[in-house]
Amino acid sequence: MAMHLPWRWFRRRDVPTIYDPQRTDASGTELVVEWIDAVTTGLATAPPGPPEAAPARVCDGMFTAATIVAVLIDKIADRTEYRVANNRCMASAVDFMKVLGEDTLRRYRIDGVQPVGWENLGPEMDEALIARRLGRLGEALQLALLAVTTDYDLSDEVREAAEESGLLAADVLVEACQAIQTDPTM
């Protein structure tokens, strides 16, 4: 007769270990990419709401793009493409702020977006990956801006801001990101 182990021993042995995911990317690339993806998703999956919600989300996206490009300028490379994209996106965000007002912008911000602290980012970030994701954000902004320009429930000022500065800024952002991705010096 063989000696059997108690049933509790088997139960204790099969307890799964708790997995606590830790960030493996010390450069900050992962944080920036998650931030960009959250804003891009927020633009693409806008919840129903009043007409002012769409341009407020676009403003949030423009400000995010300008901020991330400023991070790239400061932390990775001071490129002309980044400076132009930063200036256009910030100017567009300010135009939307003027026509929409602070209360509207606060009320319809993109949910679930956690901005990244400057101290969490380093010069060894993956510029090509960030530029690729930032280009996708620019494309999402283009689509959202086209919807804003054709929404006649919005005021003329909002539609003009979308058409005159918004679309130009989104185009510049996409072109800058494409230029960076095709740069042989990267």
N, C-alpha and C. Protein backbone atom coordinates (compact mmCIF):
# COMPACT_ATOMS: atom_id res chain seq x y z
N MET A 1 0.84 -1.16 0.00
CA MET A 1 0.00 0.00 0.00
C MET A 1 0.90 1.24 0.00
N ALA A 2 0.66 2.08 -0.98
CA ALA A 2 1.47 3.29 -1.12
C ALA A 2 0.91 4.40 -0.25
N MET A 3 1.82 5.17 0.24
CA MET A 3 1.40 6.29 1.08
C MET A 3 0.97 7.45 0.19
N HIS A 4 -0.20 7.96 0.43
CA HIS A 4 -0.74 9.05 -0.38
C HIS A 4 -0.58 10.37 0.35
N LEU A 5 -0.33 11.41 -0.45
CA LEU A 5 -0.24 12.75 0.12
C LEU A 5 -1.65 13.27 0.37
N PRO A 6 -1.81 14.10 1.36
CA PRO A 6 -3.15 14.64 1.62
C PRO A 6 -3.62 15.52 0.45
N TRP A 7 -4.91 15.60 0.27
CA TRP A 7 -5.48 16.36 -0.85
C TRP A 7 -5.14 17.84 -0.77
N ARG A 8 -4.92 18.37 0.42
CA ARG A 8 -4.60 19.80 0.57
C ARG A 8 -3.25 20.13 -0.06
N TRP A 9 -2.33 19.18 -0.05
CA TRP A 9 -1.03 19.43 -0.64
C TRP A 9 -1.18 19.73 -2.13
N PHE A 10 -2.02 18.99 -2.83
CA PHE A 10 -2.24 19.21 -4.25
C PHE A 10 -2.91 20.56 -4.50
N ARG A 11 -3.82 20.91 -3.65
CA ARG A 11 -4.51 22.18 -3.80
C ARG A 11 -3.56 23.36 -3.64
N ARG A 12 -2.69 23.28 -2.65
CA ARG A 12 -1.74 24.36 -2.44
C ARG A 12 -0.75 24.46 -3.59
N ARG A 13 -0.39 23.33 -4.13
CA ARG A 13 0.59 23.32 -5.20
C ARG A 13 0.04 23.95 -6.48
N ASP A 14 -1.25 23.84 -6.73
CA ASP A 14 -1.85 24.33 -7.97
C ASP A 14 -2.32 25.78 -7.90
N VAL A 15 -2.03 26.45 -6.82
CA VAL A 15 -2.44 27.85 -6.72
C VAL A 15 -1.61 28.66 -7.71
N PRO A 16 -2.30 29.37 -8.61
CA PRO A 16 -1.54 30.14 -9.61
C PRO A 16 -0.82 31.31 -8.95
N THR A 17 0.32 31.62 -9.47
CA THR A 17 1.04 32.78 -8.96
C THR A 17 0.39 34.04 -9.51
N ILE A 18 0.34 35.04 -8.71
CA ILE A 18 -0.27 36.31 -9.13
C ILE A 18 0.74 37.05 -9.98
N TYR A 19 0.29 37.45 -11.17
CA TYR A 19 1.16 38.16 -12.09
C TYR A 19 0.92 39.65 -11.94
N ASP A 20 1.95 40.35 -11.60
CA ASP A 20 1.88 41.80 -11.47
C ASP A 20 2.69 42.40 -12.61
N PRO A 21 2.00 42.88 -13.66
CA PRO A 21 2.76 43.39 -14.80
C PRO A 21 3.57 44.62 -14.42
N GLN A 22 4.80 44.62 -14.82
CA GLN A 22 5.69 45.75 -14.58
C GLN A 22 6.11 46.32 -15.93
N ARG A 23 6.28 47.58 -15.97
CA ARG A 23 6.74 48.21 -17.20
C ARG A 23 8.19 47.80 -17.45
N THR A 24 8.43 47.31 -18.63
CA THR A 24 9.78 46.90 -18.97
C THR A 24 10.50 47.99 -19.76
N ASP A 25 9.75 48.99 -20.18
CA ASP A 25 10.30 50.06 -21.00
C ASP A 25 10.64 51.25 -20.10
N ALA A 26 11.90 51.43 -19.82
CA ALA A 26 12.32 52.54 -18.96
C ALA A 26 12.42 53.85 -19.73
N SER A 27 12.39 53.80 -21.05
CA SER A 27 12.58 55.01 -21.85
C SER A 27 11.34 55.91 -21.86
N GLY A 28 10.16 55.34 -21.66
CA GLY A 28 8.92 56.11 -21.71
C GLY A 28 8.15 55.92 -23.01
N THR A 29 8.71 55.17 -23.95
CA THR A 29 8.04 54.95 -25.23
C THR A 29 6.66 54.34 -25.03
N GLU A 30 6.59 53.33 -24.19
CA GLU A 30 5.33 52.63 -23.94
C GLU A 30 4.27 53.59 -23.38
N LEU A 31 4.66 54.46 -22.48
CA LEU A 31 3.72 55.42 -21.91
C LEU A 31 3.19 56.38 -22.97
N VAL A 32 4.07 56.88 -23.82
CA VAL A 32 3.66 57.82 -24.87
C VAL A 32 2.75 57.13 -25.88
N VAL A 33 3.09 55.90 -26.26
CA VAL A 33 2.27 55.16 -27.23
C VAL A 33 0.88 54.89 -26.65
N GLU A 34 0.80 54.53 -25.38
CA GLU A 34 -0.51 54.31 -24.74
C GLU A 34 -1.32 55.60 -24.72
N TRP A 35 -0.66 56.71 -24.46
CA TRP A 35 -1.34 58.02 -24.45
C TRP A 35 -1.88 58.32 -25.84
N ILE A 36 -1.06 58.17 -26.87
CA ILE A 36 -1.51 58.44 -28.24
C ILE A 36 -2.67 57.52 -28.62
N ASP A 37 -2.54 56.23 -28.30
CA ASP A 37 -3.60 55.27 -28.64
C ASP A 37 -4.91 55.59 -27.94
N ALA A 38 -4.85 56.04 -26.70
CA ALA A 38 -6.07 56.39 -25.96
C ALA A 38 -6.77 57.58 -26.62
N VAL A 39 -6.01 58.56 -27.05
CA VAL A 39 -6.61 59.73 -27.70
C VAL A 39 -7.16 59.35 -29.08
N THR A 40 -6.41 58.55 -29.82
CA THR A 40 -6.87 58.10 -31.14
C THR A 40 -8.17 57.31 -31.02
N THR A 41 -8.22 56.41 -30.05
CA THR A 41 -9.44 55.63 -29.82
C THR A 41 -10.59 56.54 -29.40
N GLY A 42 -10.31 57.52 -28.56
CA GLY A 42 -11.34 58.46 -28.13
C GLY A 42 -11.91 59.26 -29.29
N LEU A 43 -11.07 59.60 -30.26
CA LEU A 43 -11.56 60.31 -31.44
C LEU A 43 -12.40 59.41 -32.33
N ALA A 44 -12.01 58.16 -32.42
CA ALA A 44 -12.70 57.22 -33.32
C ALA A 44 -13.99 56.68 -32.73
N THR A 45 -14.10 56.66 -31.41
CA THR A 45 -15.27 56.07 -30.76
C THR A 45 -15.95 57.11 -29.87
N ALA A 46 -16.29 58.20 -30.45
CA ALA A 46 -16.93 59.27 -29.69
C ALA A 46 -18.32 58.85 -29.25
N PRO A 47 -18.66 59.03 -27.98
CA PRO A 47 -20.00 58.70 -27.52
C PRO A 47 -21.00 59.73 -28.05
N PRO A 48 -22.26 59.35 -28.09
CA PRO A 48 -23.26 60.31 -28.56
C PRO A 48 -23.33 61.50 -27.61
N GLY A 49 -23.61 62.62 -28.16
CA GLY A 49 -23.70 63.83 -27.35
C GLY A 49 -24.11 64.99 -28.23
N PRO A 50 -24.08 66.18 -27.69
CA PRO A 50 -24.43 67.35 -28.49
C PRO A 50 -23.38 67.59 -29.57
N PRO A 51 -23.69 68.40 -30.55
CA PRO A 51 -22.75 68.64 -31.65
C PRO A 51 -21.39 69.19 -31.18
N GLU A 52 -21.36 69.91 -30.07
CA GLU A 52 -20.12 70.52 -29.59
C GLU A 52 -19.12 69.48 -29.06
N ALA A 53 -19.57 68.26 -28.81
CA ALA A 53 -18.69 67.23 -28.27
C ALA A 53 -17.58 66.86 -29.27
N ALA A 54 -17.91 66.77 -30.54
CA ALA A 54 -16.91 66.37 -31.54
C ALA A 54 -15.77 67.38 -31.67
N PRO A 55 -16.05 68.68 -31.83
CA PRO A 55 -14.92 69.61 -31.91
C PRO A 55 -14.14 69.73 -30.59
N ALA A 56 -14.79 69.50 -29.47
CA ALA A 56 -14.07 69.52 -28.19
C ALA A 56 -13.08 68.36 -28.13
N ARG A 57 -13.47 67.22 -28.63
CA ARG A 57 -12.57 66.06 -28.68
C ARG A 57 -11.43 66.32 -29.66
N VAL A 58 -11.73 66.97 -30.77
CA VAL A 58 -10.68 67.32 -31.74
C VAL A 58 -9.68 68.26 -31.09
N CYS A 59 -10.16 69.22 -30.32
CA CYS A 59 -9.28 70.15 -29.62
C CYS A 59 -8.37 69.39 -28.66
N ASP A 60 -8.94 68.44 -27.95
CA ASP A 60 -8.16 67.60 -27.04
C ASP A 60 -7.08 66.83 -27.81
N GLY A 61 -7.44 66.30 -28.96
CA GLY A 61 -6.48 65.58 -29.80
C GLY A 61 -5.38 66.47 -30.33
N MET A 62 -5.73 67.69 -30.72
CA MET A 62 -4.72 68.65 -31.22
C MET A 62 -3.74 69.03 -30.12
N PHE A 63 -4.28 69.27 -28.94
CA PHE A 63 -3.41 69.64 -27.83
C PHE A 63 -2.49 68.47 -27.46
N THR A 64 -3.02 67.25 -27.49
CA THR A 64 -2.20 66.07 -27.23
C THR A 64 -1.09 65.94 -28.26
N ALA A 65 -1.43 66.10 -29.53
CA ALA A 65 -0.42 66.01 -30.59
C ALA A 65 0.67 67.06 -30.40
N ALA A 66 0.26 68.30 -30.10
CA ALA A 66 1.24 69.37 -29.89
C ALA A 66 2.15 69.05 -28.70
N THR A 67 1.58 68.51 -27.65
CA THR A 67 2.36 68.18 -26.46
C THR A 67 3.35 67.07 -26.74
N ILE A 68 2.92 66.03 -27.43
CA ILE A 68 3.81 64.90 -27.72
C ILE A 68 4.92 65.33 -28.67
N VAL A 69 4.59 66.18 -29.64
CA VAL A 69 5.64 66.67 -30.54
C VAL A 69 6.63 67.53 -29.76
N ALA A 70 6.15 68.30 -28.80
CA ALA A 70 7.07 69.08 -27.95
C ALA A 70 8.00 68.16 -27.16
N VAL A 71 7.48 67.03 -26.71
CA VAL A 71 8.31 66.04 -26.01
C VAL A 71 9.39 65.51 -26.95
N LEU A 72 9.00 65.21 -28.19
CA LEU A 72 9.96 64.70 -29.16
C LEU A 72 11.05 65.74 -29.44
N ILE A 73 10.66 67.00 -29.55
CA ILE A 73 11.63 68.07 -29.78
C ILE A 73 12.60 68.17 -28.61
N ASP A 74 12.07 68.13 -27.42
CA ASP A 74 12.91 68.31 -26.23
C ASP A 74 13.75 67.09 -25.89
N LYS A 75 13.17 65.90 -26.03
CA LYS A 75 13.83 64.70 -25.53
C LYS A 75 14.61 63.92 -26.59
N ILE A 76 14.17 63.98 -27.85
CA ILE A 76 14.78 63.12 -28.86
C ILE A 76 15.53 63.91 -29.92
N ALA A 77 14.82 64.70 -30.71
CA ALA A 77 15.46 65.39 -31.83
C ALA A 77 14.72 66.69 -32.13
N ASP A 78 15.47 67.75 -32.27
CA ASP A 78 14.91 69.05 -32.61
C ASP A 78 14.89 69.17 -34.13
N ARG A 79 13.83 68.64 -34.72
CA ARG A 79 13.69 68.62 -36.18
C ARG A 79 12.72 69.71 -36.63
N THR A 80 12.95 70.23 -37.82
CA THR A 80 12.07 71.26 -38.38
C THR A 80 10.65 70.73 -38.53
N GLU A 81 10.50 69.47 -38.94
CA GLU A 81 9.17 68.88 -39.12
C GLU A 81 8.39 68.90 -37.81
N TYR A 82 9.07 68.59 -36.73
CA TYR A 82 8.41 68.59 -35.42
C TYR A 82 8.00 70.01 -35.02
N ARG A 83 8.86 70.97 -35.27
CA ARG A 83 8.54 72.35 -34.90
C ARG A 83 7.31 72.87 -35.65
N VAL A 84 7.26 72.58 -36.94
CA VAL A 84 6.11 73.02 -37.76
C VAL A 84 4.83 72.34 -37.27
N ALA A 85 4.90 71.04 -37.04
CA ALA A 85 3.71 70.31 -36.56
C ALA A 85 3.27 70.82 -35.20
N ASN A 86 4.22 71.09 -34.31
CA ASN A 86 3.90 71.60 -32.99
C ASN A 86 3.19 72.96 -33.09
N ASN A 87 3.73 73.86 -33.90
CA ASN A 87 3.13 75.19 -34.05
C ASN A 87 1.72 75.11 -34.63
N ARG A 88 1.53 74.28 -35.65
CA ARG A 88 0.21 74.17 -36.29
C ARG A 88 -0.82 73.54 -35.35
N CYS A 89 -0.42 72.46 -34.66
CA CYS A 89 -1.36 71.79 -33.76
C CYS A 89 -1.73 72.69 -32.58
N MET A 90 -0.76 73.40 -32.02
CA MET A 90 -1.06 74.29 -30.90
C MET A 90 -1.95 75.45 -31.35
N ALA A 91 -1.67 76.02 -32.52
CA ALA A 91 -2.50 77.11 -33.04
C ALA A 91 -3.93 76.62 -33.27
N SER A 92 -4.09 75.42 -33.80
CA SER A 92 -5.42 74.87 -34.02
C SER A 92 -6.15 74.64 -32.70
N ALA A 93 -5.45 74.10 -31.72
CA ALA A 93 -6.06 73.87 -30.40
C ALA A 93 -6.52 75.19 -29.80
N VAL A 94 -5.72 76.23 -29.93
CA VAL A 94 -6.09 77.54 -29.41
C VAL A 94 -7.31 78.10 -30.15
N ASP A 95 -7.36 77.91 -31.47
CA ASP A 95 -8.53 78.36 -32.24
C ASP A 95 -9.81 77.68 -31.75
N PHE A 96 -9.73 76.38 -31.51
CA PHE A 96 -10.90 75.66 -30.99
C PHE A 96 -11.25 76.15 -29.58
N MET A 97 -10.25 76.42 -28.78
CA MET A 97 -10.52 76.91 -27.42
C MET A 97 -11.27 78.24 -27.46
N LYS A 98 -10.89 79.09 -28.39
CA LYS A 98 -11.54 80.40 -28.51
C LYS A 98 -13.01 80.28 -28.90
N VAL A 99 -13.31 79.41 -29.87
CA VAL A 99 -14.69 79.33 -30.36
C VAL A 99 -15.59 78.45 -29.51
N LEU A 100 -15.01 77.46 -28.81
CA LEU A 100 -15.84 76.56 -28.02
C LEU A 100 -16.03 77.02 -26.58
N GLY A 101 -15.02 77.59 -26.01
CA GLY A 101 -15.09 78.00 -24.60
C GLY A 101 -14.60 76.93 -23.66
N GLU A 102 -14.13 77.36 -22.52
CA GLU A 102 -13.51 76.47 -21.55
C GLU A 102 -14.47 75.42 -20.99
N ASP A 103 -15.71 75.82 -20.70
CA ASP A 103 -16.67 74.87 -20.13
C ASP A 103 -16.98 73.71 -21.08
N THR A 104 -17.18 74.02 -22.34
CA THR A 104 -17.46 72.99 -23.33
C THR A 104 -16.29 72.03 -23.45
N LEU A 105 -15.07 72.57 -23.46
CA LEU A 105 -13.89 71.72 -23.59
C LEU A 105 -13.74 70.79 -22.39
N ARG A 106 -14.00 71.29 -21.22
CA ARG A 106 -13.90 70.46 -20.01
C ARG A 106 -14.97 69.37 -20.00
N ARG A 107 -16.16 69.72 -20.42
CA ARG A 107 -17.28 68.79 -20.36
C ARG A 107 -17.12 67.62 -21.31
N TYR A 108 -16.50 67.82 -22.46
CA TYR A 108 -16.45 66.78 -23.49
C TYR A 108 -15.04 66.29 -23.79
N ARG A 109 -14.18 66.31 -22.79
CA ARG A 109 -12.82 65.78 -22.96
C ARG A 109 -12.87 64.29 -23.27
N ILE A 110 -11.81 63.80 -23.88
CA ILE A 110 -11.71 62.36 -24.15
C ILE A 110 -11.43 61.66 -22.83
N ASP A 111 -12.28 60.68 -22.49
CA ASP A 111 -12.15 59.95 -21.23
C ASP A 111 -11.04 58.92 -21.30
N GLY A 112 -10.49 58.62 -20.14
CA GLY A 112 -9.52 57.53 -20.04
C GLY A 112 -8.13 57.88 -20.50
N VAL A 113 -7.86 59.15 -20.73
CA VAL A 113 -6.55 59.56 -21.19
C VAL A 113 -5.72 60.01 -20.00
N GLN A 114 -4.57 59.40 -19.84
CA GLN A 114 -3.67 59.76 -18.75
C GLN A 114 -2.41 60.38 -19.34
N PRO A 115 -2.28 61.71 -19.27
CA PRO A 115 -1.06 62.33 -19.79
C PRO A 115 0.17 61.81 -19.04
N VAL A 116 1.29 61.88 -19.70
CA VAL A 116 2.53 61.34 -19.18
C VAL A 116 3.36 62.46 -18.58
N GLY A 117 3.97 62.19 -17.44
CA GLY A 117 4.84 63.18 -16.82
C GLY A 117 6.16 63.30 -17.56
N TRP A 118 6.65 64.50 -17.66
CA TRP A 118 7.90 64.80 -18.37
C TRP A 118 9.06 63.98 -17.81
N GLU A 119 9.06 63.78 -16.49
CA GLU A 119 10.16 63.05 -15.84
C GLU A 119 10.16 61.56 -16.17
N ASN A 120 9.06 61.04 -16.72
CA ASN A 120 8.97 59.62 -17.08
C ASN A 120 9.53 59.33 -18.47
N LEU A 121 9.99 60.36 -19.16
CA LEU A 121 10.41 60.21 -20.54
C LEU A 121 11.91 60.45 -20.67
N GLY A 122 12.55 59.65 -21.51
CA GLY A 122 13.99 59.78 -21.69
C GLY A 122 14.37 59.95 -23.14
N PRO A 123 15.62 60.31 -23.38
CA PRO A 123 16.08 60.53 -24.76
C PRO A 123 16.22 59.25 -25.57
N GLU A 124 16.10 58.10 -24.94
CA GLU A 124 16.23 56.84 -25.67
C GLU A 124 14.89 56.29 -26.14
N MET A 125 13.86 57.13 -26.16
CA MET A 125 12.55 56.70 -26.66
C MET A 125 12.65 56.29 -28.13
N ASP A 126 11.76 55.41 -28.56
CA ASP A 126 11.73 54.91 -29.93
C ASP A 126 11.01 55.93 -30.81
N GLU A 127 11.79 56.77 -31.47
CA GLU A 127 11.23 57.86 -32.27
C GLU A 127 10.38 57.35 -33.43
N ALA A 128 10.82 56.29 -34.09
CA ALA A 128 10.08 55.77 -35.24
C ALA A 128 8.70 55.25 -34.83
N LEU A 129 8.64 54.54 -33.73
CA LEU A 129 7.36 54.01 -33.25
C LEU A 129 6.42 55.15 -32.84
N ILE A 130 6.94 56.12 -32.13
CA ILE A 130 6.12 57.26 -31.71
C ILE A 130 5.63 58.04 -32.92
N ALA A 131 6.51 58.25 -33.90
CA ALA A 131 6.11 58.98 -35.12
C ALA A 131 5.02 58.22 -35.87
N ARG A 132 5.13 56.89 -35.92
CA ARG A 132 4.11 56.08 -36.61
C ARG A 132 2.75 56.23 -35.92
N ARG A 133 2.74 56.13 -34.59
CA ARG A 133 1.48 56.26 -33.85
C ARG A 133 0.95 57.69 -33.91
N LEU A 134 1.84 58.66 -33.90
CA LEU A 134 1.42 60.06 -33.99
C LEU A 134 0.81 60.34 -35.37
N GLY A 135 1.33 59.69 -36.40
CA GLY A 135 0.75 59.81 -37.74
C GLY A 135 -0.67 59.26 -37.78
N ARG A 136 -0.90 58.15 -37.06
CA ARG A 136 -2.26 57.60 -36.97
C ARG A 136 -3.19 58.55 -36.23
N LEU A 137 -2.67 59.20 -35.20
CA LEU A 137 -3.47 60.21 -34.50
C LEU A 137 -3.83 61.34 -35.47
N GLY A 138 -2.88 61.75 -36.30
CA GLY A 138 -3.15 62.78 -37.30
C GLY A 138 -4.23 62.36 -38.28
N GLU A 139 -4.21 61.10 -38.68
CA GLU A 139 -5.25 60.60 -39.59
C GLU A 139 -6.62 60.57 -38.90
N ALA A 140 -6.64 60.18 -37.63
CA ALA A 140 -7.91 60.20 -36.88
C ALA A 140 -8.42 61.63 -36.74
N LEU A 141 -7.50 62.57 -36.53
CA LEU A 141 -7.89 63.98 -36.46
C LEU A 141 -8.47 64.45 -37.79
N GLN A 142 -7.86 64.03 -38.90
CA GLN A 142 -8.38 64.42 -40.22
C GLN A 142 -9.83 63.96 -40.39
N LEU A 143 -10.09 62.70 -40.04
CA LEU A 143 -11.45 62.18 -40.18
C LEU A 143 -12.43 62.92 -39.28
N ALA A 144 -12.03 63.15 -38.02
CA ALA A 144 -12.90 63.86 -37.09
C ALA A 144 -13.15 65.29 -37.56
N LEU A 145 -12.13 65.92 -38.10
CA LEU A 145 -12.28 67.30 -38.59
C LEU A 145 -13.18 67.37 -39.82
N LEU A 146 -13.10 66.38 -40.68
CA LEU A 146 -14.02 66.35 -41.83
C LEU A 146 -15.46 66.25 -41.36
N ALA A 147 -15.70 65.47 -40.32
CA ALA A 147 -17.05 65.36 -39.77
C ALA A 147 -17.50 66.70 -39.18
N VAL A 148 -16.59 67.40 -38.53
CA VAL A 148 -16.93 68.70 -37.93
C VAL A 148 -17.24 69.73 -39.02
N THR A 149 -16.46 69.73 -40.10
CA THR A 149 -16.69 70.74 -41.16
C THR A 149 -18.02 70.55 -41.87
N THR A 150 -18.57 69.34 -41.82
CA THR A 150 -19.83 69.09 -42.52
C THR A 150 -21.03 69.00 -41.58
N ASP A 151 -20.83 69.28 -40.31
CA ASP A 151 -21.92 69.23 -39.33
C ASP A 151 -22.54 70.62 -39.23
N TYR A 152 -23.71 70.79 -39.84
CA TYR A 152 -24.35 72.10 -39.89
C TYR A 152 -25.11 72.44 -38.62
N ASP A 153 -25.08 71.55 -37.62
CA ASP A 153 -25.63 71.88 -36.31
C ASP A 153 -24.64 72.72 -35.50
N LEU A 154 -23.39 72.75 -35.95
CA LEU A 154 -22.36 73.55 -35.29
C LEU A 154 -22.37 74.97 -35.86
N SER A 155 -21.83 75.88 -35.09
CA SER A 155 -21.78 77.27 -35.55
C SER A 155 -20.78 77.42 -36.69
N ASP A 156 -20.93 78.52 -37.44
CA ASP A 156 -20.01 78.78 -38.55
C ASP A 156 -18.58 78.94 -38.05
N GLU A 157 -18.41 79.54 -36.87
CA GLU A 157 -17.06 79.76 -36.32
C GLU A 157 -16.35 78.43 -36.04
N VAL A 158 -17.09 77.47 -35.52
CA VAL A 158 -16.49 76.17 -35.21
C VAL A 158 -16.12 75.46 -36.51
N ARG A 159 -17.02 75.47 -37.49
CA ARG A 159 -16.72 74.82 -38.76
C ARG A 159 -15.55 75.49 -39.48
N GLU A 160 -15.48 76.82 -39.39
CA GLU A 160 -14.35 77.53 -40.00
C GLU A 160 -13.04 77.20 -39.30
N ALA A 161 -13.05 77.10 -37.98
CA ALA A 161 -11.83 76.72 -37.24
C ALA A 161 -11.37 75.33 -37.65
N ALA A 162 -12.33 74.44 -37.85
CA ALA A 162 -11.98 73.07 -38.27
C ALA A 162 -11.40 73.06 -39.67
N GLU A 163 -12.01 73.85 -40.55
CA GLU A 163 -11.57 73.85 -41.94
C GLU A 163 -10.27 74.61 -42.15
N GLU A 164 -10.14 75.77 -41.53
CA GLU A 164 -8.99 76.62 -41.79
C GLU A 164 -7.74 76.22 -41.03
N SER A 165 -7.86 75.99 -39.74
CA SER A 165 -6.64 75.66 -38.99
C SER A 165 -6.56 74.18 -38.63
N GLY A 166 -7.69 73.53 -38.37
CA GLY A 166 -7.69 72.14 -37.94
C GLY A 166 -7.19 71.19 -39.00
N LEU A 167 -7.78 71.25 -40.19
CA LEU A 167 -7.37 70.34 -41.25
C LEU A 167 -5.93 70.58 -41.67
N LEU A 168 -5.52 71.83 -41.69
CA LEU A 168 -4.13 72.14 -42.02
C LEU A 168 -3.17 71.54 -40.99
N ALA A 169 -3.51 71.69 -39.72
CA ALA A 169 -2.66 71.14 -38.66
C ALA A 169 -2.59 69.62 -38.73
N ALA A 170 -3.72 68.97 -38.96
CA ALA A 170 -3.72 67.51 -39.06
C ALA A 170 -2.91 67.04 -40.26
N ASP A 171 -3.03 67.75 -41.39
CA ASP A 171 -2.25 67.41 -42.58
C ASP A 171 -0.75 67.56 -42.32
N VAL A 172 -0.38 68.67 -41.67
CA VAL A 172 1.04 68.91 -41.36
C VAL A 172 1.55 67.82 -40.42
N LEU A 173 0.74 67.42 -39.44
CA LEU A 173 1.15 66.37 -38.51
C LEU A 173 1.39 65.05 -39.24
N VAL A 174 0.47 64.66 -40.10
CA VAL A 174 0.62 63.41 -40.85
C VAL A 174 1.85 63.46 -41.75
N GLU A 175 2.02 64.57 -42.47
CA GLU A 175 3.18 64.70 -43.37
C GLU A 175 4.49 64.71 -42.60
N ALA A 176 4.53 65.37 -41.45
CA ALA A 176 5.76 65.40 -40.65
C ALA A 176 6.11 64.00 -40.16
N CYS A 177 5.12 63.26 -39.72
CA CYS A 177 5.37 61.90 -39.24
C CYS A 177 5.82 60.98 -40.36
N GLN A 178 5.24 61.16 -41.55
CA GLN A 178 5.68 60.35 -42.69
C GLN A 178 7.11 60.70 -43.08
N ALA A 179 7.45 61.98 -43.03
CA ALA A 179 8.82 62.40 -43.37
C ALA A 179 9.82 61.83 -42.37
N ILE A 180 9.47 61.81 -41.10
CA ILE A 180 10.36 61.27 -40.07
C ILE A 180 10.55 59.77 -40.28
N GLN A 181 9.47 59.08 -40.59
CA GLN A 181 9.55 57.63 -40.78
C GLN A 181 10.39 57.24 -41.99
N THR A 182 10.42 58.10 -43.01
CA THR A 182 11.19 57.78 -44.20
C THR A 182 12.58 58.40 -44.18
N ASP A 183 12.93 59.08 -43.11
CA ASP A 183 14.25 59.70 -42.99
C ASP A 183 15.32 58.62 -42.83
N PRO A 184 16.29 58.57 -43.75
CA PRO A 184 17.30 57.52 -43.67
C PRO A 184 18.28 57.70 -42.49
N THR A 185 18.31 58.86 -41.89
CA THR A 185 19.25 59.09 -40.77
C THR A 185 18.73 58.57 -39.46
N MET A 186 17.48 58.11 -39.43
CA MET A 186 16.92 57.59 -38.17
C MET A 186 17.45 56.23 -37.85
